PDB file of N, CA and C in Angstrom:
ATOM      1  N   MET A   1      53.776  -5.210  11.969  1.00  0.00           N
ATOM      2  CA  MET A   1      52.953  -4.291  11.222  1.00  0.00           C
ATOM      3  C   MET A   1      53.732  -3.787  10.000  1.00  0.00           C
ATOM      4  N   VAL A   2      53.074  -3.722   8.864  1.00  0.00           N
ATOM      5  CA  VAL A   2      53.694  -3.289   7.624  1.00  0.00           C
ATOM      6  C   VAL A   2      53.522  -1.781   7.494  1.00  0.00           C
ATOM      7  N   SER A   3      54.595  -1.107   7.137  1.00  0.00           N
ATOM      8  CA  SER A   3      54.519   0.347   6.993  1.00  0.00           C
ATOM      9  C   SER A   3      53.718   0.711   5.751  1.00  0.00           C
ATOM     10  N   ASN A   4      53.297   1.958   5.696  1.00  0.00           N
ATOM     11  CA  ASN A   4      52.521   2.462   4.566  1.00  0.00           C
ATOM     12  C   ASN A   4      53.323   2.378   3.278  1.00  0.00           C
ATOM     13  N   LYS A   5      54.614   2.669   3.361  1.00  0.00           N
ATOM     14  CA  LYS A   5      55.476   2.599   2.189  1.00  0.00           C
ATOM     15  C   LYS A   5      55.593   1.157   1.682  1.00  0.00           C
ATOM     16  N   GLY A   6      55.733   0.211   2.608  1.00  0.00           N
ATOM     17  CA  GLY A   6      55.822  -1.199   2.231  1.00  0.00           C
ATOM     18  C   GLY A   6      54.544  -1.688   1.590  1.00  0.00           C
ATOM     19  N   MET A   7      53.405  -1.185   2.059  1.00  0.00           N
ATOM     20  CA  MET A   7      52.106  -1.577   1.507  1.00  0.00           C
ATOM     21  C   MET A   7      51.948  -1.030   0.085  1.00  0.00           C
ATOM     22  N   GLN A   8      52.400   0.197  -0.136  1.00  0.00           N
ATOM     23  CA  GLN A   8      52.322   0.789  -1.471  1.00  0.00           C
ATOM     24  C   GLN A   8      53.196   0.018  -2.456  1.00  0.00           C
ATOM     25  N   ALA A   9      54.372  -0.354  -2.012  1.00  0.00           N
ATOM     26  CA  ALA A   9      55.269  -1.115  -2.883  1.00  0.00           C
ATOM     27  C   ALA A   9      54.659  -2.469  -3.203  1.00  0.00           C
ATOM     28  N   GLU A  10      54.010  -3.078  -2.217  1.00  0.00           N
ATOM     29  CA  GLU A  10      53.371  -4.388  -2.431  1.00  0.00           C
ATOM     30  C   GLU A  10      52.199  -4.262  -3.402  1.00  0.00           C
ATOM     31  N   ASN A  11      51.400  -3.197  -3.269  1.00  0.00           N
ATOM     32  CA  ASN A  11      50.280  -2.961  -4.186  1.00  0.00           C
ATOM     33  C   ASN A  11      50.788  -2.695  -5.597  1.00  0.00           C
ATOM     34  N   HIS A  12      51.862  -1.933  -5.695  1.00  0.00           N
ATOM     35  CA  HIS A  12      52.451  -1.632  -7.011  1.00  0.00           C
ATOM     36  C   HIS A  12      52.961  -2.916  -7.675  1.00  0.00           C
ATOM     37  N   THR A  13      53.610  -3.758  -6.899  1.00  0.00           N
ATOM     38  CA  THR A  13      54.111  -5.032  -7.422  1.00  0.00           C
ATOM     39  C   THR A  13      52.959  -5.924  -7.852  1.00  0.00           C
ATOM     40  N   ASP A  14      51.889  -5.960  -7.045  1.00  0.00           N
ATOM     41  CA  ASP A  14      50.715  -6.762  -7.398  1.00  0.00           C
ATOM     42  C   ASP A  14      50.073  -6.275  -8.693  1.00  0.00           C
ATOM     43  N   SER A  15      49.962  -4.960  -8.849  1.00  0.00           N
ATOM     44  CA  SER A  15      49.335  -4.428 -10.060  1.00  0.00           C
ATOM     45  C   SER A  15      50.212  -4.698 -11.284  1.00  0.00           C
ATOM     46  N   ARG A  16      51.527  -4.585 -11.129  1.00  0.00           N
ATOM     47  CA  ARG A  16      52.427  -4.892 -12.243  1.00  0.00           C
ATOM     48  C   ARG A  16      52.340  -6.366 -12.613  1.00  0.00           C
ATOM     49  N   LEU A  17      52.264  -7.227 -11.602  1.00  0.00           N
ATOM     50  CA  LEU A  17      52.149  -8.661 -11.851  1.00  0.00           C
ATOM     51  C   LEU A  17      50.839  -8.980 -12.563  1.00  0.00           C
ATOM     52  N   THR A  18      49.766  -8.332 -12.142  1.00  0.00           N
ATOM     53  CA  THR A  18      48.468  -8.538 -12.789  1.00  0.00           C
ATOM     54  C   THR A  18      48.516  -8.091 -14.242  1.00  0.00           C
ATOM     55  N   GLU A  19      49.126  -6.930 -14.509  1.00  0.00           N
ATOM     56  CA  GLU A  19      49.261  -6.446 -15.890  1.00  0.00           C
ATOM     57  C   GLU A  19      50.060  -7.431 -16.742  1.00  0.00           C
ATOM     58  N   LEU A  20      51.131  -7.958 -16.200  1.00  0.00           N
ATOM     59  CA  LEU A  20      51.946  -8.925 -16.944  1.00  0.00           C
ATOM     60  C   LEU A  20      51.169 -10.209 -17.214  1.00  0.00           C
ATOM     61  N   GLU A  21      50.376 -10.654 -16.253  1.00  0.00           N
ATOM     62  CA  GLU A  21      49.565 -11.859 -16.456  1.00  0.00           C
ATOM     63  C   GLU A  21      48.528 -11.637 -17.550  1.00  0.00           C
ATOM     64  N   ILE A  22      47.930 -10.442 -17.572  1.00  0.00           N
ATOM     65  CA  ILE A  22      46.948 -10.120 -18.609  1.00  0.00           C
ATOM     66  C   ILE A  22      47.615 -10.101 -19.979  1.00  0.00           C
ATOM     67  N   LYS A  23      48.771  -9.451 -20.075  1.00  0.00           N
ATOM     68  CA  LYS A  23      49.497  -9.401 -21.350  1.00  0.00           C
ATOM     69  C   LYS A  23      49.906 -10.798 -21.804  1.00  0.00           C
ATOM     70  N   ALA A  24      50.348 -11.632 -20.879  1.00  0.00           N
ATOM     71  CA  ALA A  24      50.741 -13.002 -21.225  1.00  0.00           C
ATOM     72  C   ALA A  24      49.538 -13.791 -21.726  1.00  0.00           C
ATOM     73  N   SER A  25      48.392 -13.569 -21.110  1.00  0.00           N
ATOM     74  CA  SER A  25      47.172 -14.261 -21.541  1.00  0.00           C
ATOM     75  C   SER A  25      46.781 -13.856 -22.958  1.00  0.00           C
ATOM     76  N   PHE A  26      46.826 -12.543 -23.241  1.00  0.00           N
ATOM     77  CA  PHE A  26      46.513 -12.074 -24.597  1.00  0.00           C
ATOM     78  C   PHE A  26      47.519 -12.617 -25.614  1.00  0.00           C
ATOM     79  N   ALA A  27      48.787 -12.641 -25.245  1.00  0.00           N
ATOM     80  CA  ALA A  27      49.814 -13.154 -26.149  1.00  0.00           C
ATOM     81  C   ALA A  27      49.589 -14.646 -26.426  1.00  0.00           C
ATOM     82  N   GLU A  28      49.187 -15.378 -25.411  1.00  0.00           N
ATOM     83  CA  GLU A  28      48.917 -16.807 -25.578  1.00  0.00           C
ATOM     84  C   GLU A  28      47.725 -17.033 -26.504  1.00  0.00           C
ATOM     85  N   ASP A  29      46.668 -16.237 -26.339  1.00  0.00           N
ATOM     86  CA  ASP A  29      45.500 -16.335 -27.226  1.00  0.00           C
ATOM     87  C   ASP A  29      45.882 -16.006 -28.665  1.00  0.00           C
ATOM     88  N   LEU A  30      46.668 -14.960 -28.843  1.00  0.00           N
ATOM     89  CA  LEU A  30      47.096 -14.567 -30.181  1.00  0.00           C
ATOM     90  C   LEU A  30      47.941 -15.665 -30.821  1.00  0.00           C
ATOM     91  N   LEU A  31      48.812 -16.268 -30.042  1.00  0.00           N
ATOM     92  CA  LEU A  31      49.653 -17.343 -30.548  1.00  0.00           C
ATOM     93  C   LEU A  31      48.811 -18.535 -31.013  1.00  0.00           C
ATOM     94  N   GLU A  32      47.775 -18.867 -30.262  1.00  0.00           N
ATOM     95  CA  GLU A  32      46.878 -19.959 -30.659  1.00  0.00           C
ATOM     96  C   GLU A  32      46.152 -19.620 -31.959  1.00  0.00           C
ATOM     97  N   GLN A  33      45.692 -18.369 -32.090  1.00  0.00           N
ATOM     98  CA  GLN A  33      45.015 -17.955 -33.322  1.00  0.00           C
ATOM     99  C   GLN A  33      45.959 -18.030 -34.517  1.00  0.00           C
ATOM    100  N   LEU A  34      47.179 -17.556 -34.337  1.00  0.00           N
ATOM    101  CA  LEU A  34      48.163 -17.595 -35.428  1.00  0.00           C
ATOM    102  C   LEU A  34      48.499 -19.036 -35.805  1.00  0.00           C
ATOM    103  N   ASP A  35      48.578 -19.911 -34.818  1.00  0.00           N
ATOM    104  CA  ASP A  35      48.855 -21.319 -35.083  1.00  0.00           C
ATOM    105  C   ASP A  35      47.746 -21.930 -35.931  1.00  0.00           C
ATOM    106  N   LYS A  36      46.495 -21.612 -35.617  1.00  0.00           N
ATOM    107  CA  LYS A  36      45.366 -22.125 -36.404  1.00  0.00           C
ATOM    108  C   LYS A  36      45.419 -21.605 -37.842  1.00  0.00           C
ATOM    109  N   ILE A  37      45.788 -20.335 -37.989  1.00  0.00           N
ATOM    110  CA  ILE A  37      45.890 -19.752 -39.330  1.00  0.00           C
ATOM    111  C   ILE A  37      46.989 -20.442 -40.125  1.00  0.00           C
ATOM    112  N   ILE A  38      48.116 -20.703 -39.493  1.00  0.00           N
ATOM    113  CA  ILE A  38      49.226 -21.368 -40.178  1.00  0.00           C
ATOM    114  C   ILE A  38      48.830 -22.775 -40.608  1.00  0.00           C
ATOM    115  N   VAL A  39      48.133 -23.496 -39.743  1.00  0.00           N
ATOM    116  CA  VAL A  39      47.690 -24.857 -40.090  1.00  0.00           C
ATOM    117  C   VAL A  39      46.749 -24.803 -41.286  1.00  0.00           C
ATOM    118  N   ARG A  40      45.791 -23.847 -41.270  1.00  0.00           N
ATOM    119  CA  ARG A  40      44.837 -23.732 -42.379  1.00  0.00           C
ATOM    120  C   ARG A  40      45.552 -23.364 -43.680  1.00  0.00           C
ATOM    121  N   GLN A  41      46.505 -22.450 -43.598  1.00  0.00           N
ATOM    122  CA  GLN A  41      47.232 -22.060 -44.803  1.00  0.00           C
ATOM    123  C   GLN A  41      48.073 -23.210 -45.344  1.00  0.00           C
ATOM    124  N   GLN A  42      48.666 -23.999 -44.464  1.00  0.00           N
ATOM    125  CA  GLN A  42      49.446 -25.151 -44.926  1.00  0.00           C
ATOM    126  C   GLN A  42      48.544 -26.163 -45.625  1.00  0.00           C
ATOM    127  N   GLN A  43      47.328 -26.345 -45.099  1.00  0.00           N
ATOM    128  CA  GLN A  43      46.380 -27.252 -45.755  1.00  0.00           C
ATOM    129  C   GLN A  43      46.011 -26.724 -47.144  1.00  0.00           C
ATOM    130  N   GLN A  44      45.830 -25.409 -47.252  1.00  0.00           N
ATOM    131  CA  GLN A  44      45.515 -24.818 -48.556  1.00  0.00           C
ATOM    132  C   GLN A  44      46.684 -24.971 -49.522  1.00  0.00           C
ATOM    133  N   ILE A  45      47.889 -24.769 -49.040  1.00  0.00           N
ATOM    134  CA  ILE A  45      49.078 -24.935 -49.886  1.00  0.00           C
ATOM    135  C   ILE A  45      49.178 -26.383 -50.366  1.00  0.00           C
ATOM    136  N   ASP A  46      48.970 -27.336 -49.459  1.00  0.00           N
ATOM    137  CA  ASP A  46      49.031 -28.745 -49.838  1.00  0.00           C
ATOM    138  C   ASP A  46      47.980 -29.079 -50.899  1.00  0.00           C
ATOM    139  N   ALA A  47      46.762 -28.549 -50.725  1.00  0.00           N
ATOM    140  CA  ALA A  47      45.707 -28.799 -51.707  1.00  0.00           C
ATOM    141  C   ALA A  47      46.072 -28.193 -53.063  1.00  0.00           C
ATOM    142  N   LEU A  48      46.634 -26.995 -53.058  1.00  0.00           N
ATOM    143  CA  LEU A  48      47.034 -26.360 -54.317  1.00  0.00           C
ATOM    144  C   LEU A  48      48.172 -27.120 -55.000  1.00  0.00           C
ATOM    145  N   LEU A  49      49.124 -27.606 -54.223  1.00  0.00           N
ATOM    146  CA  LEU A  49      50.214 -28.395 -54.800  1.00  0.00           C
ATOM    147  C   LEU A  49      49.683 -29.679 -55.440  1.00  0.00           C
ATOM    148  N   ARG A  50      48.724 -30.323 -54.774  1.00  0.00           N
ATOM    149  CA  ARG A  50      48.117 -31.532 -55.369  1.00  0.00           C
ATOM    150  C   ARG A  50      47.400 -31.188 -56.668  1.00  0.00           C
ATOM    151  N   GLU A  51      46.681 -30.065 -56.674  1.00  0.00           N
ATOM    152  CA  GLU A  51      45.947 -29.654 -57.865  1.00  0.00           C
ATOM    153  C   GLU A  51      46.901 -29.341 -59.020  1.00  0.00           C
ATOM    154  N   VAL A  52      47.994 -28.648 -58.739  1.00  0.00           N
ATOM    155  CA  VAL A  52      48.976 -28.339 -59.777  1.00  0.00           C
ATOM    156  C   VAL A  52      49.596 -29.628 -60.314  1.00  0.00           C
ATOM    157  N   ALA A  53      49.916 -30.563 -59.425  1.00  0.00           N
ATOM    158  CA  ALA A  53      50.494 -31.833 -59.865  1.00  0.00           C
ATOM    159  C   ALA A  53      49.509 -32.592 -60.754  1.00  0.00           C
ATOM    160  N   GLU A  54      48.224 -32.565 -60.394  1.00  0.00           N
ATOM    161  CA  GLU A  54      47.207 -33.232 -61.217  1.00  0.00           C
ATOM    162  C   GLU A  54      47.085 -32.560 -62.582  1.00  0.00           C
ATOM    163  N   LEU A  55      47.138 -31.237 -62.606  1.00  0.00           N
ATOM    164  CA  LEU A  55      47.050 -30.514 -63.881  1.00  0.00           C
ATOM    165  C   LEU A  55      48.251 -30.804 -64.768  1.00  0.00           C
ATOM    166  N   LYS A  56      49.434 -30.890 -64.164  1.00  0.00           N
ATOM    167  CA  LYS A  56      50.631 -31.199 -64.944  1.00  0.00           C
ATOM    168  C   LYS A  56      50.567 -32.610 -65.500  1.00  0.00           C
ATOM    169  N   ALA A  57      49.985 -33.529 -64.755  1.00  0.00           N
ATOM    170  CA  ALA A  57      49.949 -34.927 -65.167  1.00  0.00           C
ATOM    171  C   ALA A  57      48.798 -35.225 -66.123  1.00  0.00           C
ATOM    172  N   ALA A  58      47.811 -34.343 -66.204  1.00  0.00           N
ATOM    173  CA  ALA A  58      46.633 -34.608 -67.035  1.00  0.00           C
ATOM    174  C   ALA A  58      46.990 -34.525 -68.512  1.00  0.00           C
ATOM    175  N   PRO A  59      46.633 -35.541 -69.291  1.00  0.00           N
ATOM    176  CA  PRO A  59      46.884 -35.482 -70.739  1.00  0.00           C
ATOM    177  C   PRO A  59      45.924 -34.502 -71.410  1.00  0.00           C
ATOM    178  N   VAL A  60      46.384 -33.895 -72.498  1.00  0.00           N
ATOM    179  CA  VAL A  60      45.575 -32.949 -73.265  1.00  0.00           C
ATOM    180  C   VAL A  60      45.308 -33.581 -74.624  1.00  0.00           C
ATOM    181  N   ARG A  61      44.080 -33.487 -75.072  1.00  0.00           N
ATOM    182  CA  ARG A  61      43.726 -34.072 -76.365  1.00  0.00           C
ATOM    183  C   ARG A  61      43.791 -32.995 -77.451  1.00  0.00           C
ATOM    184  N   ASP A  62      44.661 -33.187 -78.418  1.00  0.00           N
ATOM    185  CA  ASP A  62      44.742 -32.318 -79.594  1.00  0.00           C
ATOM    186  C   ASP A  62      44.173 -33.100 -80.766  1.00  0.00           C
ATOM    187  N   GLY A  63      42.882 -32.921 -81.003  1.00  0.00           N
ATOM    188  CA  GLY A  63      42.236 -33.708 -82.057  1.00  0.00           C
ATOM    189  C   GLY A  63      42.214 -35.163 -81.646  1.00  0.00           C
ATOM    190  N   ASP A  64      42.881 -36.009 -82.407  1.00  0.00           N
ATOM    191  CA  ASP A  64      42.950 -37.434 -82.080  1.00  0.00           C
ATOM    192  C   ASP A  64      44.231 -37.784 -81.324  1.00  0.00           C
ATOM    193  N   ILE A  65      45.135 -36.834 -81.187  1.00  0.00           N
ATOM    194  CA  ILE A  65      46.421 -37.112 -80.557  1.00  0.00           C
ATOM    195  C   ILE A  65      46.360 -36.690 -79.085  1.00  0.00           C
ATOM    196  N   THR A  66      46.760 -37.584 -78.205  1.00  0.00           N
ATOM    197  CA  THR A  66      46.822 -37.261 -76.785  1.00  0.00           C
ATOM    198  C   THR A  66      48.258 -36.912 -76.440  1.00  0.00           C
ATOM    199  N   THR A  67      48.447 -35.720 -75.912  1.00  0.00           N
ATOM    200  CA  THR A  67      49.789 -35.278 -75.534  1.00  0.00           C
ATOM    201  C   THR A  67      49.812 -34.935 -74.056  1.00  0.00           C
ATOM    202  N   THR A  68      50.997 -34.914 -73.504  1.00  0.00           N
ATOM    203  CA  THR A  68      51.153 -34.494 -72.120  1.00  0.00           C
ATOM    204  C   THR A  68      51.217 -32.986 -72.082  1.00  0.00           C
ATOM    205  N   ARG A  69      50.528 -32.406 -71.170  1.00  0.00           N
ATOM    206  CA  ARG A  69      50.421 -30.950 -71.083  1.00  0.00           C
ATOM    207  C   ARG A  69      51.670 -30.369 -70.415  1.00  0.00           C
ATOM    208  N   SER A  70      52.268 -29.385 -71.046  1.00  0.00           N
ATOM    209  CA  SER A  70      53.398 -28.673 -70.474  1.00  0.00           C
ATOM    210  C   SER A  70      53.027 -27.203 -70.350  1.00  0.00           C
ATOM    211  N   LEU A  71      52.997 -26.724 -69.140  1.00  0.00           N
ATOM    212  CA  LEU A  71      52.619 -25.330 -68.923  1.00  0.00           C
ATOM    213  C   LEU A  71      53.643 -24.366 -69.499  1.00  0.00           C
ATOM    214  N   ARG A  72      54.884 -24.794 -69.679  1.00  0.00           N
ATOM    215  CA  ARG A  72      55.912 -23.926 -70.264  1.00  0.00           C
ATOM    216  C   ARG A  72      55.657 -23.676 -71.750  1.00  0.00           C
ATOM    217  N   ASP A  73      54.977 -24.620 -72.424  1.00  0.00           N
ATOM    218  CA  ASP A  73      54.695 -24.457 -73.853  1.00  0.00           C
ATOM    219  C   ASP A  73      53.544 -23.491 -74.103  1.00  0.00           C
ATOM    220  N   GLU A  74      52.734 -23.240 -73.091  1.00  0.00           N
ATOM    221  CA  GLU A  74      51.584 -22.367 -73.258  1.00  0.00           C
ATOM    222  C   GLU A  74      52.000 -20.941 -72.939  1.00  0.00           C
ATOM    223  N   LEU A  75      51.782 -20.043 -73.888  1.00  0.00           N
ATOM    224  CA  LEU A  75      52.100 -18.635 -73.683  1.00  0.00           C
ATOM    225  C   LEU A  75      50.855 -17.887 -73.235  1.00  0.00           C
ATOM    226  N   PRO A  76      51.018 -16.924 -72.373  1.00  0.00           N
ATOM    227  CA  PRO A  76      49.879 -16.093 -71.982  1.00  0.00           C
ATOM    228  C   PRO A  76      49.383 -15.290 -73.171  1.00  0.00           C
ATOM    229  N   PRO A  77      48.132 -14.826 -73.132  1.00  0.00           N
ATOM    230  CA  PRO A  77      47.554 -14.121 -74.277  1.00  0.00           C
ATOM    231  C   PRO A  77      48.295 -12.839 -74.675  1.00  0.00           C
ATOM    232  N   HIS A  78      49.022 -12.217 -73.784  1.00  0.00           N
ATOM    233  CA  HIS A  78      49.676 -10.964 -74.129  1.00  0.00           C
ATOM    234  C   HIS A  78      50.994 -11.146 -74.866  1.00  0.00           C
ATOM    235  N   PHE A  79      51.417 -12.375 -75.148  1.00  0.00           N
ATOM    236  CA  PHE A  79      52.646 -12.611 -75.909  1.00  0.00           C
ATOM    237  C   PHE A  79      52.381 -12.770 -77.367  1.00  0.00           C
TER     238      PHE A  79
END
């Protein structure tokens, strides 16, 4: 026969274990969500890098002369 004190300790341990399992489950869900966000952001970064590379490589027509576009040569309007 289990004493009353032993039963209380067992119930306390069970409740602590249940709380830890719940926290672990939430942490696992959060980790999956963050992983999806990171994958999506990496895809966006890759798309932006491709777009910047295409813009750098695109020739610019100045009248009849075709020149290569350099973003360093272009000054913002406030200069």
